[in-house]
Amino acid sequence: MKGGRIGARALLLACVVAIAAPTTARAAPSDSDLVWLGLALTPPTYVAGVALHEGSHALAGKLMGAKLVSLSIIPGRDPRTGAFHFGLTRVTNLRGRGAHAFFLAAPKITDSVLLAGIGALVFTDGWPNNRYGQLALTVAATGLWIDFAKDVLTFSKFNDVIKLGNLFCVNTELRRLPARLVYAGIAAGFGYIVYRGYQRTFVESDPATARFADPPRWSIGLLSSKF
């Protein structure tokens, strides 16, 4: 009878572990699943990124007392300048150099704040355990970083960062060089946040190396009970 009790308890414990632990492992998506999902998220991330960029311009303009004339997130050419754009925001009654500077810099401020927030998660225990959540944050960070970093090598006179420099007489490439190097350094720092996001999503959260979930507390009593 005593041996029967031991066998029954051992079987019960085995069932608990078999039900709880493998279910957790099966629920975790593979790297290939995440890659395909990440590719599927690219178009909506792009649209959201353009909307966030242009929306930042529009909000900054309104805060500075300007009137919003138009906002577009459709790629095309500016009818006034002929320059290609991914999105375009027009305002009027924007007065003062400070107001113009804030209007032009608004998307970069937004990118910086959001990337810093994601960085606070990726470097702490705030990073989600769910791999889908990790992927969503990593894809979002990638889009934000591209929007911020793309201006490092931009030389068009219609570019927001170039216009921002012109407001403060940084209007030649020689004068822009120090600011461009600082900007590139900041972009590299944000790029490391994106890199760590991918690392934590695809390396440190690899299901192949994940451990089984701990059994429920009540099941531990089966191990410690005196048979």
Protein backbone atom coordinates (compact mmCIF):
# COMPACT_ATOMS: atom_id res chain seq x y z
CA MET A 1 0.00 0.00 0.00
CA LYS A 2 2.83 2.40 0.84
CA GLY A 3 4.50 1.67 -2.48
CA GLY A 4 1.17 2.29 -4.22
CA ARG A 5 0.88 5.75 -2.61
CA ILE A 6 4.40 6.61 -3.71
CA GLY A 7 3.67 5.52 -7.26
CA ALA A 8 0.41 7.47 -7.39
CA ARG A 9 2.02 10.67 -6.15
CA ALA A 10 4.93 10.30 -8.56
CA LEU A 11 2.50 9.81 -11.45
CA LEU A 12 0.49 12.86 -10.40
CA LEU A 13 3.62 14.98 -10.27
CA ALA A 14 4.70 13.75 -13.68
CA CYS A 15 1.30 14.72 -15.11
CA VAL A 16 1.57 18.22 -13.61
CA VAL A 17 5.00 18.78 -15.16
CA ALA A 18 3.95 17.24 -18.48
CA ILE A 19 0.91 19.50 -18.72
CA ALA A 20 2.42 22.76 -17.45
CA ALA A 21 5.96 22.83 -18.87
CA PRO A 22 5.60 21.60 -22.47
CA THR A 23 2.55 23.81 -22.97
CA THR A 24 4.69 26.86 -22.15
CA ALA A 25 7.38 25.73 -24.57
CA ARG A 26 4.90 25.12 -27.41
CA ALA A 27 3.36 28.56 -26.92
CA ALA A 28 6.64 30.32 -27.72
CA PRO A 29 7.00 31.19 -31.43
CA SER A 30 10.13 30.15 -33.32
CA ASP A 31 12.63 32.60 -34.81
CA SER A 32 11.27 31.93 -38.32
CA ASP A 33 7.74 32.73 -37.12
CA LEU A 34 8.98 36.03 -35.74
CA VAL A 35 10.87 36.89 -38.94
CA TRP A 36 7.77 36.40 -41.07
CA LEU A 37 5.65 38.34 -38.60
CA GLY A 38 8.24 41.13 -38.54
CA LEU A 39 8.10 41.35 -42.34
CA ALA A 40 4.30 41.49 -42.18
CA LEU A 41 4.54 44.33 -39.67
CA THR A 42 6.78 46.40 -41.95
CA PRO A 43 4.04 48.11 -44.05
CA PRO A 44 1.86 49.15 -41.09
CA THR A 45 4.98 50.24 -39.19
CA TYR A 46 5.98 52.43 -42.15
CA VAL A 47 2.54 54.05 -42.32
CA ALA A 48 2.50 54.60 -38.56
CA GLY A 49 6.02 56.06 -38.71
CA VAL A 50 5.11 58.58 -41.42
CA ALA A 51 1.94 59.52 -39.54
CA LEU A 52 3.94 59.99 -36.34
CA HIS A 53 6.53 62.12 -38.15
CA GLU A 54 4.02 64.40 -39.83
CA GLY A 55 1.78 64.45 -36.79
CA SER A 56 4.72 65.68 -34.72
CA HIS A 57 5.20 68.57 -37.16
CA ALA A 58 1.51 69.39 -37.01
CA LEU A 59 1.31 69.27 -33.21
CA ALA A 60 4.44 71.40 -32.83
CA GLY A 61 3.00 73.95 -35.23
CA LYS A 62 -0.28 74.13 -33.32
CA LEU A 63 1.58 74.52 -30.02
CA MET A 64 3.48 77.43 -31.55
CA GLY A 65 0.25 79.15 -32.64
CA ALA A 66 0.44 78.21 -36.31
CA LYS A 67 -2.52 77.22 -38.49
CA LEU A 68 -2.45 73.74 -40.00
CA VAL A 69 -3.04 73.98 -43.75
CA SER A 70 -2.52 70.37 -44.83
CA LEU A 71 -1.11 67.06 -43.69
CA SER A 72 -0.37 64.14 -46.00
CA ILE A 73 1.20 60.75 -45.33
CA ILE A 74 1.14 59.76 -49.01
CA PRO A 75 4.51 59.76 -50.86
CA GLY A 76 4.82 62.21 -53.71
CA ARG A 77 6.42 65.43 -54.85
CA ASP A 78 5.91 68.80 -53.27
CA PRO A 79 4.01 70.86 -55.87
CA ARG A 80 5.89 73.99 -54.77
CA THR A 81 9.46 72.70 -54.78
CA GLY A 82 9.29 69.48 -56.77
CA ALA A 83 11.15 67.65 -53.99
CA PHE A 84 10.11 64.07 -53.23
CA HIS A 85 8.57 63.45 -49.82
CA PHE A 86 7.15 60.50 -47.85
CA GLY A 87 4.76 62.84 -46.09
CA LEU A 88 4.14 66.57 -46.04
CA THR A 89 2.81 69.02 -43.45
CA ARG A 90 2.09 72.66 -44.19
CA VAL A 91 1.35 75.38 -41.64
CA THR A 92 0.99 79.14 -41.74
CA ASN A 93 1.52 81.94 -39.21
CA LEU A 94 4.57 80.26 -37.69
CA ARG A 95 6.44 83.19 -36.21
CA GLY A 96 9.92 83.46 -34.78
CA ARG A 97 13.08 81.43 -35.21
CA GLY A 98 12.38 79.38 -32.08
CA ALA A 99 8.93 78.37 -33.34
CA HIS A 100 10.35 77.38 -36.71
CA ALA A 101 13.12 75.37 -35.02
CA PHE A 102 10.65 73.50 -32.81
CA PHE A 103 8.43 72.77 -35.80
CA LEU A 104 11.34 71.33 -37.81
CA ALA A 105 12.85 69.36 -34.93
CA ALA A 106 9.57 67.93 -33.57
CA PRO A 107 9.80 64.48 -35.26
CA LYS A 108 13.35 63.99 -34.00
CA ILE A 109 12.26 64.91 -30.48
CA THR A 110 9.44 62.37 -30.73
CA ASP A 111 11.82 59.69 -32.05
CA SER A 112 14.29 60.40 -29.25
CA VAL A 113 11.71 60.24 -26.47
CA LEU A 114 10.19 56.98 -27.73
CA LEU A 115 13.57 55.34 -28.38
CA ALA A 116 14.72 56.34 -24.91
CA GLY A 117 11.58 54.74 -23.49
CA ILE A 118 12.20 51.51 -25.38
CA GLY A 119 15.82 51.64 -24.25
CA ALA A 120 14.65 51.88 -20.63
CA LEU A 121 12.78 48.62 -21.20
CA VAL A 122 15.43 46.77 -23.18
CA PHE A 123 18.16 47.43 -20.60
CA THR A 124 16.03 46.54 -17.57
CA ASP A 125 13.63 43.88 -16.35
CA GLY A 126 10.83 45.88 -17.94
CA TRP A 127 11.45 44.06 -21.23
CA PRO A 128 8.41 41.79 -21.82
CA ASN A 129 8.75 38.02 -21.52
CA ASN A 130 6.33 37.43 -24.39
CA ARG A 131 8.24 37.11 -27.67
CA TYR A 132 5.45 38.76 -29.66
CA GLY A 133 5.66 41.77 -27.37
CA GLN A 134 9.43 41.80 -27.76
CA LEU A 135 9.09 41.70 -31.54
CA ALA A 136 6.55 44.54 -31.58
CA LEU A 137 8.87 46.78 -29.55
CA THR A 138 11.89 45.85 -31.66
CA VAL A 139 10.11 46.55 -34.96
CA ALA A 140 8.80 49.87 -33.59
CA ALA A 141 12.30 50.82 -32.43
CA THR A 142 13.69 49.99 -35.88
CA GLY A 143 11.20 52.31 -37.56
CA LEU A 144 11.91 55.11 -35.13
CA TRP A 145 15.67 54.68 -35.56
CA ILE A 146 15.42 54.78 -39.36
CA ASP A 147 13.41 58.00 -39.19
CA PHE A 148 16.01 59.54 -36.87
CA ALA A 149 19.20 58.24 -38.47
CA LYS A 150 18.36 58.74 -42.14
CA ASP A 151 19.22 62.44 -41.92
CA VAL A 152 22.84 61.77 -40.99
CA LEU A 153 23.74 61.50 -44.68
CA THR A 154 21.12 63.85 -46.08
CA PHE A 155 22.32 66.92 -47.98
CA SER A 156 19.12 68.19 -49.61
CA LYS A 157 18.26 71.80 -48.93
CA PHE A 158 14.65 70.69 -48.39
CA ASN A 159 15.56 68.36 -45.51
CA ASP A 160 14.26 69.35 -42.07
CA VAL A 161 17.65 68.99 -40.34
CA ILE A 162 19.37 71.07 -43.03
CA LYS A 163 16.68 73.73 -42.70
CA LEU A 164 17.12 73.65 -38.93
CA GLY A 165 20.84 74.31 -39.31
CA ASN A 166 20.20 77.14 -41.75
CA LEU A 167 18.08 78.89 -39.12
CA PHE A 168 21.20 79.20 -36.96
CA CYS A 169 23.61 80.07 -39.78
CA VAL A 170 24.98 76.53 -39.99
CA ASN A 171 24.63 76.79 -43.75
CA THR A 172 27.75 75.20 -45.22
CA GLU A 173 28.96 71.62 -45.08
CA LEU A 174 32.07 72.71 -43.20
CA ARG A 175 29.95 74.33 -40.52
CA ARG A 176 27.56 71.37 -40.50
CA LEU A 177 30.33 68.81 -40.00
CA PRO A 178 30.62 69.05 -36.16
CA ALA A 179 26.83 68.97 -35.77
CA ARG A 180 26.59 66.10 -38.24
CA LEU A 181 29.16 64.09 -36.27
CA VAL A 182 27.29 64.69 -33.00
CA TYR A 183 24.04 63.71 -34.69
CA ALA A 184 25.68 60.54 -36.04
CA GLY A 185 26.92 59.68 -32.54
CA ILE A 186 23.41 60.04 -31.12
CA ALA A 187 22.04 57.90 -33.96
CA ALA A 188 24.67 55.24 -33.19
CA GLY A 189 23.59 55.23 -29.54
CA PHE A 190 19.96 54.74 -30.55
CA GLY A 191 21.11 52.06 -32.97
CA TYR A 192 22.57 50.12 -30.05
CA ILE A 193 19.14 50.14 -28.42
CA VAL A 194 17.71 48.56 -31.58
CA TYR A 195 20.55 46.01 -31.65
CA ARG A 196 19.91 45.02 -28.03
CA GLY A 197 16.22 44.67 -28.84
CA TYR A 198 16.98 42.18 -31.61
CA GLN A 199 19.45 40.40 -29.38
CA ARG A 200 16.98 40.00 -26.52
CA THR A 201 14.23 38.93 -28.93
CA PHE A 202 16.12 36.42 -31.09
CA VAL A 203 19.04 35.29 -28.93
CA GLU A 204 18.22 35.58 -25.26
CA SER A 205 14.58 34.52 -25.77
CA ASP A 206 15.29 31.61 -28.13
CA PRO A 207 12.76 28.86 -27.33
CA ALA A 208 15.46 26.26 -27.91
CA THR A 209 17.27 27.49 -24.81
CA ALA A 210 14.19 28.31 -22.75
CA ARG A 211 13.69 26.38 -19.53
CA PHE A 212 10.51 24.68 -18.46
CA ALA A 213 8.20 26.76 -16.34
CA ASP A 214 8.31 26.12 -12.60
CA PRO A 215 5.56 23.74 -11.41
CA PRO A 216 2.76 25.18 -9.28
CA ARG A 217 3.56 25.69 -5.61
CA TRP A 218 1.09 23.08 -4.45
CA SER A 219 2.88 20.44 -6.58
CA ILE A 220 6.15 21.10 -4.73
CA GLY A 221 4.48 19.68 -1.67
CA LEU A 222 4.31 16.33 -3.45
CA LEU A 223 8.09 16.31 -3.61
CA SER A 224 8.64 17.37 -0.03
CA SER A 225 5.90 15.22 1.51
CA LYS A 226 6.96 12.32 3.63
CA PHE A 227 5.79 9.17 1.93
